[in-house]
């Protein structure tokens, strides 16, 4: 029987196949991996007072250098992404966006050339409305002009925000028009949208249209460097998972926002939880941290090859929460080769680590396969937990003990009743439950 602390992720075997139709530009066949400046560096434009951390070409060149030097590129992180606050406050005489001349003296084209010389790709930011969220020129009325400009500069990804739209009813049209404009350039530019984030304020978005327009899309509020922010995103995603999970797949992904691992607000266990759940959710892995000065343990977590393999699994199915009992959550994700990734999260913020029965976590879908299965723990440490020769069934007495423990002090609607009934039925019939 396994025991888990704040967040653990295990891999077993299961098969679940379904298909979706996503944007067909050949990009983002697995979730995007890279670095994005916003959460860590926000809109710091004062390069006189803070030259090391202001939004400037120097910042992105240094991050690109670190991505190569410290192995980020080797494990799959490939995009270096500019967020808001890069442009000049006015367009040029031809109506084109231009970079701030003091902070980007070489221009975006030269920056893109530098990023490409490192074997990496450049992402940039714009807005569907009249202004960006920080008040710089927006793309409303300039969609084709801006798309052509980005393509000419050699941009590889566009993050398209949703502030300052004259009317919210124009959001869908604006996002579709920019998608068409990007495709018209003939350059492969990954399209990261915030369409549903802004439409949820008025109505439920049309996710069929979104997945045919965007390569990934933000649904919920910006992430902050805090545990309450991370759990708020997880709770919202789980509450809406019946809507979100079916539309995710190769070419189009739900984006729960940036990884804030290696910053200041999360404990070590909380960092492990964010990385694990972002892997389960098939989320884009866009770090927002300072790669020049990151804790070695946080770096190792972000570069964990087993978590990255789960995130990048070619089956391309988003994971989901399957149980919420007595302060525990169980999430699972179908993987290629008949495998199943399961994450167990201790959401109780009182006391210390608590035990959770491994066998219950692996029985959510009733794929009992003892003694054929291997069960491997990925976090907090990598280890084989169950092999065919070591597979031990869960006795009826053990099952009743754990089910009583997990269901106590819980409201009736939070206990997976079918889970309990099925497990007890199997025990009554066979006197044991096997992996």
Protein backbone atom coordinates (compact mmCIF):
# COMPACT_ATOMS: atom_id res chain seq x y z
CA UNK A 1 0.00 0.00 0.00
CA UNK A 2 1.44 3.39 -0.95
CA UNK A 3 1.30 6.61 1.03
CA UNK A 4 1.45 10.10 -0.45
CA UNK A 5 2.12 13.64 0.69
CA UNK A 6 0.84 16.87 -0.84
CA UNK A 7 0.99 15.73 -4.44
CA UNK A 8 2.02 12.40 -5.92
CA UNK A 9 1.72 11.12 -9.42
CA UNK A 10 1.73 7.47 -10.42
CA UNK A 11 1.55 5.69 -13.75
CA UNK A 12 -0.34 2.48 -14.41
CA UNK A 13 -2.25 0.96 -17.30
CA UNK A 14 -5.65 1.85 -18.76
CA UNK A 15 -7.06 2.67 -22.20
CA UNK A 16 -9.57 5.38 -23.10
CA UNK A 17 -9.83 6.68 -26.66
CA UNK A 18 -11.73 9.66 -28.02
CA UNK A 19 -10.95 12.19 -30.74
CA UNK A 20 -11.32 15.93 -31.20
CA UNK A 21 -10.87 18.26 -34.13
CA UNK A 22 -8.51 21.14 -33.41
CA UNK A 23 -6.96 23.98 -35.38
CA UNK A 24 -5.21 22.46 -38.39
CA UNK A 25 -1.99 24.46 -38.81
CA UNK A 26 0.29 21.57 -37.87
CA UNK A 27 1.43 23.24 -34.62
CA UNK A 28 1.08 22.37 -30.93
CA UNK A 29 0.56 18.66 -31.55
CA UNK A 30 1.70 18.34 -27.95
CA UNK A 31 1.38 21.11 -25.34
CA UNK A 32 3.64 24.12 -25.92
CA UNK A 33 6.77 24.37 -23.75
CA UNK A 34 8.72 27.54 -23.13
CA UNK A 35 9.25 30.66 -21.05
CA UNK A 36 6.97 33.73 -20.76
CA UNK A 37 7.91 36.91 -18.96
CA UNK A 38 4.64 38.18 -17.48
CA UNK A 39 4.12 36.75 -13.99
CA UNK A 40 7.73 37.23 -12.88
CA UNK A 41 8.63 40.47 -14.68
CA UNK A 42 5.17 42.05 -15.33
CA UNK A 43 5.36 45.50 -16.96
CA UNK A 44 8.70 46.66 -15.62
CA UNK A 45 9.82 49.24 -18.18
CA UNK A 46 12.26 51.23 -16.04
CA UNK A 47 15.56 50.10 -17.47
CA UNK A 48 17.43 52.98 -15.85
CA UNK A 49 16.51 51.87 -12.33
CA UNK A 50 16.38 48.10 -12.99
CA UNK A 51 18.37 47.18 -16.10
CA UNK A 52 18.58 43.48 -15.16
CA UNK A 53 14.84 42.91 -14.92
CA UNK A 54 13.13 45.44 -17.19
CA UNK A 55 11.26 44.40 -20.34
CA UNK A 56 14.03 44.72 -22.92
CA UNK A 57 15.80 42.77 -25.62
CA UNK A 58 18.56 42.05 -23.11
CA UNK A 59 16.16 40.10 -20.87
CA UNK A 60 15.03 37.77 -23.67
CA UNK A 61 18.52 37.23 -25.02
CA UNK A 62 19.75 36.27 -21.56
CA UNK A 63 16.82 33.90 -21.04
CA UNK A 64 17.56 32.28 -24.41
CA UNK A 65 21.18 31.87 -23.39
CA UNK A 66 20.13 30.17 -20.15
CA UNK A 67 17.65 27.89 -21.93
CA UNK A 68 20.53 26.49 -23.96
CA UNK A 69 23.21 26.56 -21.25
CA UNK A 70 21.15 24.92 -18.49
CA UNK A 71 19.47 22.20 -20.54
CA UNK A 72 15.97 23.66 -20.91
CA UNK A 73 16.08 23.34 -24.69
CA UNK A 74 17.29 19.75 -24.43
CA UNK A 75 14.21 18.66 -22.42
CA UNK A 76 11.72 20.39 -24.73
CA UNK A 77 11.34 24.04 -23.70
CA UNK A 78 11.62 25.91 -27.01
CA UNK A 79 9.68 29.20 -26.96
CA UNK A 80 11.02 32.45 -25.48
CA UNK A 81 7.90 34.61 -25.22
CA UNK A 82 7.47 38.36 -24.90
CA UNK A 83 4.32 39.49 -23.09
CA UNK A 84 2.81 42.99 -22.75
CA UNK A 85 4.75 46.28 -22.57
CA UNK A 86 7.21 45.66 -25.41
CA UNK A 87 5.84 48.12 -28.03
CA UNK A 88 6.28 51.80 -28.53
CA UNK A 89 3.26 53.80 -27.39
CA UNK A 90 2.51 54.69 -31.04
CA UNK A 91 2.53 52.88 -34.37
CA UNK A 92 4.97 53.93 -37.08
CA UNK A 93 4.13 56.13 -40.05
CA UNK A 94 2.85 53.08 -41.97
CA UNK A 95 0.53 52.03 -39.17
CA UNK A 96 2.75 49.14 -38.07
CA UNK A 97 3.56 48.13 -34.51
CA UNK A 98 7.10 48.99 -33.46
CA UNK A 99 9.18 48.01 -30.46
CA UNK A 100 10.13 50.58 -27.86
CA UNK A 101 13.33 52.04 -29.36
CA UNK A 102 15.13 52.50 -26.04
CA UNK A 103 14.46 49.02 -24.63
CA UNK A 104 14.63 47.16 -27.98
CA UNK A 105 17.21 49.18 -29.93
CA UNK A 106 17.93 46.33 -32.36
CA UNK A 107 14.25 45.71 -33.13
CA UNK A 108 12.21 42.52 -32.92
CA UNK A 109 13.59 41.09 -36.18
CA UNK A 110 17.14 41.08 -34.80
CA UNK A 111 15.89 39.62 -31.53
CA UNK A 112 14.11 36.85 -33.43
CA UNK A 113 17.30 36.14 -35.38
CA UNK A 114 19.22 35.82 -32.11
CA UNK A 115 16.61 33.48 -30.58
CA UNK A 116 16.59 31.36 -33.75
CA UNK A 117 20.40 31.15 -33.72
CA UNK A 118 20.06 29.33 -30.40
CA UNK A 119 17.69 26.78 -31.91
CA UNK A 120 14.73 28.35 -30.08
CA UNK A 121 11.55 30.15 -31.15
CA UNK A 122 10.24 33.63 -30.38
CA UNK A 123 6.79 34.44 -29.06
CA UNK A 124 5.24 37.91 -29.00
CA UNK A 125 2.16 39.55 -27.48
CA UNK A 126 -0.67 41.62 -28.96
CA UNK A 127 -4.32 42.34 -28.16
CA UNK A 128 -7.58 41.83 -30.04
CA UNK A 129 -8.88 45.20 -28.81
CA UNK A 130 -7.92 48.84 -29.28
CA UNK A 131 -5.24 48.68 -26.57
CA UNK A 132 -3.27 46.02 -24.78
CA UNK A 133 -4.11 45.43 -21.13
CA UNK A 134 -1.22 47.74 -20.18
CA UNK A 135 -2.37 50.47 -22.56
CA UNK A 136 -0.13 49.96 -25.58
CA UNK A 137 -1.53 49.92 -29.15
CA UNK A 138 -3.97 47.07 -29.79
CA UNK A 139 -4.61 45.21 -33.03
CA UNK A 140 -8.28 46.12 -33.52
CA UNK A 141 -8.57 47.28 -37.13
CA UNK A 142 -4.99 46.14 -37.86
CA UNK A 143 -5.25 42.35 -37.80
CA UNK A 144 -3.75 41.71 -41.24
CA UNK A 145 -1.14 44.45 -40.81
CA UNK A 146 0.04 43.07 -37.48
CA UNK A 147 0.02 39.45 -38.64
CA UNK A 148 2.14 40.42 -41.66
CA UNK A 149 4.50 42.39 -39.39
CA UNK A 150 4.96 39.46 -37.03
CA UNK A 151 5.63 37.10 -39.92
CA UNK A 152 8.17 39.51 -41.43
CA UNK A 153 9.96 39.72 -38.09
CA UNK A 154 10.17 35.92 -37.84
CA UNK A 155 7.82 35.51 -34.88
CA UNK A 156 6.83 31.90 -34.07
CA UNK A 157 4.04 32.36 -31.50
CA UNK A 158 1.42 35.02 -30.87
CA UNK A 159 -0.23 35.45 -27.48
CA UNK A 160 -3.40 37.41 -28.28
CA UNK A 161 -5.02 39.07 -25.26
CA UNK A 162 -8.60 40.35 -25.00
CA UNK A 163 -8.59 43.78 -23.34
CA UNK A 164 -10.33 46.92 -24.57
CA UNK A 165 -12.63 45.37 -27.17
CA UNK A 166 -15.19 48.03 -28.19
CA UNK A 167 -17.98 45.45 -27.78
CA UNK A 168 -17.60 41.99 -26.25
CA UNK A 169 -19.79 40.59 -29.02
CA UNK A 170 -16.89 41.28 -31.40
CA UNK A 171 -14.49 39.01 -29.52
CA UNK A 172 -15.18 35.90 -31.57
CA UNK A 173 -14.94 37.77 -34.86
CA UNK A 174 -11.67 39.41 -33.79
CA UNK A 175 -10.01 36.17 -32.75
CA UNK A 176 -11.13 34.39 -35.92
CA UNK A 177 -9.94 37.27 -38.12
CA UNK A 178 -6.49 37.23 -36.55
CA UNK A 179 -6.31 33.47 -37.01
CA UNK A 180 -7.11 33.90 -40.71
CA UNK A 181 -4.59 36.74 -40.98
CA UNK A 182 -1.83 34.62 -39.44
CA UNK A 183 -2.54 31.74 -41.80
CA UNK A 184 -2.55 34.15 -44.74
CA UNK A 185 1.07 35.13 -44.04
CA UNK A 186 2.26 31.64 -44.92
CA UNK A 187 4.45 31.51 -41.80
CA UNK A 188 3.79 28.91 -39.11
CA UNK A 189 2.79 31.00 -36.08
CA UNK A 190 1.36 29.23 -33.06
CA UNK A 191 -1.80 31.04 -31.94
CA UNK A 192 -2.40 31.43 -28.20
CA UNK A 193 -5.82 32.94 -27.48
CA UNK A 194 -7.58 34.43 -24.47
CA UNK A 195 -10.99 34.35 -26.17
CA UNK A 196 -12.86 32.20 -23.61
CA UNK A 197 -11.34 34.09 -20.65
CA UNK A 198 -13.07 37.28 -21.78
CA UNK A 199 -16.26 35.71 -23.13
CA UNK A 200 -16.98 33.81 -19.88
CA UNK A 201 -17.76 37.21 -18.34
CA UNK A 202 -20.84 37.37 -20.58
CA UNK A 203 -21.76 33.86 -21.73
CA UNK A 204 -20.47 30.32 -22.11
CA UNK A 205 -17.96 30.36 -24.97
CA UNK A 206 -18.32 28.28 -28.10
CA UNK A 207 -15.45 25.85 -27.59
CA UNK A 208 -16.00 24.14 -30.93
CA UNK A 209 -15.21 27.43 -32.66
CA UNK A 210 -12.33 28.16 -30.28
CA UNK A 211 -10.58 24.83 -30.87
CA UNK A 212 -10.85 25.34 -34.64
CA UNK A 213 -9.31 28.83 -34.33
CA UNK A 214 -6.60 28.65 -31.64
CA UNK A 215 -3.73 26.34 -30.67
CA UNK A 216 -4.36 26.94 -26.98
CA UNK A 217 -6.66 29.17 -25.02
CA UNK A 218 -6.88 30.70 -21.57
CA UNK A 219 -10.11 30.05 -19.69
CA UNK A 220 -9.67 31.55 -16.25
CA UNK A 221 -7.94 34.33 -14.31
CA UNK A 222 -4.21 35.06 -14.45
CA UNK A 223 -2.01 32.96 -12.23
CA UNK A 224 -0.22 34.70 -9.37
CA UNK A 225 2.73 33.53 -7.33
CA UNK A 226 0.52 32.05 -4.59
CA UNK A 227 -1.00 28.73 -3.62
CA UNK A 228 -4.52 30.21 -3.52
CA UNK A 229 -4.12 31.27 -7.15
CA UNK A 230 -2.97 27.79 -8.24
CA UNK A 231 -5.77 26.02 -6.36
CA UNK A 232 -8.32 28.50 -7.71
CA UNK A 233 -7.31 27.51 -11.25
CA UNK A 234 -7.49 23.81 -10.37
CA UNK A 235 -10.93 24.18 -8.78
CA UNK A 236 -12.33 26.13 -11.73
CA UNK A 237 -10.92 23.63 -14.21
CA UNK A 238 -12.34 20.65 -12.32
CA UNK A 239 -15.76 22.31 -12.04
CA UNK A 240 -15.87 22.87 -15.82
CA UNK A 241 -14.01 19.71 -16.88
CA UNK A 242 -16.99 18.14 -18.65
CA UNK A 243 -16.89 21.09 -21.03
CA UNK A 244 -13.12 21.51 -21.26
CA UNK A 245 -11.71 17.99 -21.49
CA UNK A 246 -13.48 16.89 -24.70
CA UNK A 247 -12.17 19.86 -26.72
CA UNK A 248 -8.49 19.40 -25.83
CA UNK A 249 -6.16 17.38 -28.02
CA UNK A 250 -3.30 17.59 -30.52
CA UNK A 251 -3.34 21.06 -32.05
CA UNK A 252 -5.47 22.69 -29.35
CA UNK A 253 -5.14 22.81 -25.54
CA UNK A 254 -6.77 24.38 -22.51
CA UNK A 255 -4.25 26.76 -20.94
CA UNK A 256 -4.38 27.16 -17.13
CA UNK A 257 -1.64 29.83 -17.37
CA UNK A 258 2.02 29.97 -16.41
CA UNK A 259 4.13 27.80 -14.16
CA UNK A 260 5.31 29.92 -11.23
CA UNK A 261 7.80 27.32 -10.01
CA UNK A 262 11.12 28.77 -8.88
CA UNK A 263 9.70 32.07 -7.66
CA UNK A 264 8.73 33.14 -4.14
CA UNK A 265 5.14 32.18 -3.33
CA UNK A 266 4.95 28.36 -3.39
CA UNK A 267 6.40 25.88 -0.94
CA UNK A 268 8.30 22.93 -2.34
CA UNK A 269 5.29 20.60 -2.11
CA UNK A 270 3.12 23.22 -3.77
CA UNK A 271 5.61 23.51 -6.63
CA UNK A 272 5.51 19.74 -7.07
CA UNK A 273 1.72 19.91 -7.12
CA UNK A 274 1.58 22.58 -9.81
CA UNK A 275 4.01 20.74 -12.07
CA UNK A 276 2.23 17.42 -11.54
CA UNK A 277 -1.26 18.74 -12.19
CA UNK A 278 -0.17 20.78 -15.23
CA UNK A 279 1.22 17.51 -16.61
CA UNK A 280 -2.04 15.70 -15.87
CA UNK A 281 -4.09 18.50 -17.49
CA UNK A 282 -2.02 18.40 -20.70
CA UNK A 283 -1.37 22.10 -20.14
CA UNK A 284 1.12 24.26 -21.99
CA UNK A 285 4.28 24.40 -19.87
CA UNK A 286 5.16 28.09 -20.03
CA UNK A 287 7.44 29.01 -17.14
CA UNK A 288 7.50 32.53 -15.73
CA UNK A 289 10.59 32.76 -13.55
CA UNK A 290 14.17 33.98 -13.65
CA UNK A 291 16.23 31.28 -15.34
CA UNK A 292 19.42 33.19 -14.45
CA UNK A 293 18.83 32.62 -10.76
CA UNK A 294 16.57 29.62 -10.15
CA UNK A 295 16.85 27.18 -7.27
CA UNK A 296 18.47 23.91 -8.47
CA UNK A 297 15.64 21.82 -7.02
CA UNK A 298 13.00 23.90 -8.84
CA UNK A 299 15.02 23.58 -12.05
CA UNK A 300 15.17 19.80 -11.63
CA UNK A 301 11.41 19.69 -11.09
CA UNK A 302 10.68 21.72 -14.21
CA UNK A 303 13.07 19.49 -16.16
CA UNK A 304 11.74 16.23 -14.69
CA UNK A 305 11.74 13.88 -17.72
CA UNK A 306 8.93 11.69 -16.37
CA UNK A 307 6.55 14.61 -15.78
CA UNK A 308 7.42 16.12 -19.15
CA UNK A 309 6.75 12.74 -20.81
CA UNK A 310 3.29 12.66 -19.23
CA UNK A 311 2.60 16.25 -20.32
CA UNK A 312 3.82 15.57 -23.86
CA UNK A 313 2.18 12.15 -24.22
CA UNK A 314 1.28 11.70 -27.91
CA UNK A 315 -2.22 10.37 -27.19
CA UNK A 316 -3.03 13.98 -26.33
CA UNK A 317 -5.85 13.46 -23.82
CA UNK A 318 -6.40 15.99 -21.06
CA UNK A 319 -6.67 14.61 -17.53
CA UNK A 320 -9.51 15.26 -15.12
CA UNK A 321 -10.50 14.99 -11.48
CA UNK A 322 -12.23 11.71 -10.67
CA UNK A 323 -12.64 11.88 -6.89
CA UNK A 324 -12.73 14.42 -4.08
CA UNK A 325 -12.97 12.88 -0.60
CA UNK A 326 -11.92 13.93 2.88
CA UNK A 327 -9.47 16.57 1.69
CA UNK A 328 -7.96 14.37 -1.02
CA UNK A 329 -8.35 14.78 -4.76
CA UNK A 330 -7.59 12.11 -7.34
CA UNK A 331 -6.89 13.16 -10.92
CA UNK A 332 -6.16 10.85 -13.83
CA UNK A 333 -5.02 11.09 -17.42
CA UNK A 334 -5.13 8.39 -20.11
CA UNK A 335 -1.76 7.92 -21.80
CA UNK A 336 -0.56 6.16 -24.92
CA UNK A 337 0.26 2.48 -24.76
CA UNK A 338 -2.68 1.77 -22.47
CA UNK A 339 -1.09 3.61 -19.54
CA UNK A 340 -2.84 5.77 -16.97
CA UNK A 341 -1.31 8.63 -14.96
CA UNK A 342 -2.91 9.25 -11.57
CA UNK A 343 -2.23 12.24 -9.29
CA UNK A 344 -3.23 12.22 -5.62
CA UNK A 345 -3.38 15.67 -4.00
CA UNK A 346 -3.74 16.41 -0.30
CA UNK A 347 -5.83 19.60 -0.27
CA UNK A 348 -6.11 19.73 3.52
CA UNK A 349 -4.18 22.77 4.79
CA UNK A 350 -4.05 21.57 8.38
CA UNK A 351 -1.58 19.18 9.93
CA UNK A 352 1.12 17.30 8.05
CA UNK A 353 1.36 14.67 5.32
CA UNK A 354 -1.43 12.08 5.22
CA UNK A 355 -1.66 8.56 3.86
CA UNK A 356 -3.74 7.60 0.85
CA UNK A 357 -4.23 3.98 -0.29
CA UNK A 358 -2.53 3.44 -3.61
CA UNK A 359 -4.91 0.70 -4.63
CA UNK A 360 -7.96 2.96 -4.33
CA UNK A 361 -6.29 5.60 -6.49
CA UNK A 362 -5.70 3.02 -9.23
CA UNK A 363 -9.20 1.56 -9.12
CA UNK A 364 -11.21 4.61 -10.19
CA UNK A 365 -11.85 3.18 -13.65
CA UNK A 366 -11.93 -0.45 -12.41
CA UNK A 367 -9.09 -1.50 -14.66
CA UNK A 368 -8.05 -4.29 -12.31
CA UNK A 369 -5.08 -6.04 -13.85
CA UNK A 370 -3.07 -7.68 -11.07
CA UNK A 371 -0.67 -9.31 -11.72
CA UNK A 372 -0.14 -7.86 -15.22
CA UNK A 373 0.55 -4.21 -14.26
CA UNK A 374 3.53 -2.11 -13.27
CA UNK A 375 2.83 0.87 -11.00
CA UNK A 376 5.54 3.54 -10.86
CA UNK A 377 5.60 6.61 -8.62
CA UNK A 378 6.93 9.71 -10.39
CA UNK A 379 6.69 12.33 -7.62
CA UNK A 380 7.71 13.22 -4.97
CA UNK A 381 10.40 10.65 -5.90
CA UNK A 382 10.66 8.17 -8.75
CA UNK A 383 10.28 4.57 -7.68
CA UNK A 384 8.61 1.35 -8.70
CA UNK A 385 5.72 0.63 -6.35
CA UNK A 386 4.06 -2.43 -7.85
CA UNK A 387 5.45 -4.94 -10.31
CA UNK A 388 3.68 -8.11 -11.50
CA UNK A 389 5.69 -10.28 -9.13
CA UNK A 390 5.02 -7.94 -6.18
CA UNK A 391 1.33 -7.29 -6.80
CA UNK A 392 -0.66 -7.74 -3.61
CA UNK A 393 -4.45 -7.62 -3.57
CA UNK A 394 -6.36 -5.34 -1.21
CA UNK A 395 -8.35 -7.37 1.28
CA UNK A 396 -12.02 -6.75 2.03
CA UNK A 397 -11.15 -5.55 5.54
CA UNK A 398 -8.54 -3.12 4.22
CA UNK A 399 -10.96 -1.75 1.62
CA UNK A 400 -13.67 -1.12 4.23
CA UNK A 401 -11.15 0.56 6.54
CA UNK A 402 -9.92 2.98 3.88
CA UNK A 403 -13.38 3.73 2.49
CA UNK A 404 -14.57 4.60 5.99
CA UNK A 405 -11.56 6.87 6.49
CA UNK A 406 -11.89 8.63 3.15
CA UNK A 407 -15.64 9.24 3.40
CA UNK A 408 -15.83 10.55 6.97
CA UNK A 409 -16.82 14.16 7.55
CA UNK A 410 -17.71 14.59 3.88
CA UNK A 411 -20.96 15.83 2.43
CA UNK A 412 -22.84 13.02 0.65
CA UNK A 413 -22.46 14.58 -2.80
CA UNK A 414 -18.66 14.71 -2.53
CA UNK A 415 -18.22 10.99 -1.93
CA UNK A 416 -18.01 8.91 -5.14
CA UNK A 417 -20.86 6.58 -4.19
CA UNK A 418 -20.43 4.27 -7.18
CA UNK A 419 -16.75 3.97 -6.30
CA UNK A 420 -17.63 2.80 -2.78
CA UNK A 421 -20.43 0.47 -3.85
CA UNK A 422 -18.40 -1.07 -6.66
CA UNK A 423 -15.39 -1.67 -4.45
CA UNK A 424 -17.46 -3.31 -1.72
CA UNK A 425 -19.33 -5.37 -4.32
CA UNK A 426 -16.04 -6.63 -5.73
CA UNK A 427 -14.86 -7.50 -2.24
CA UNK A 428 -18.04 -9.36 -1.40
CA UNK A 429 -17.79 -11.30 -4.64
CA UNK A 430 -14.06 -12.03 -4.66
CA UNK A 431 -12.91 -11.22 -1.10
CA UNK A 432 -10.17 -9.06 -2.60
CA UNK A 433 -9.56 -6.14 -4.95
CA UNK A 434 -6.58 -6.41 -7.26
CA UNK A 435 -4.61 -3.84 -9.21
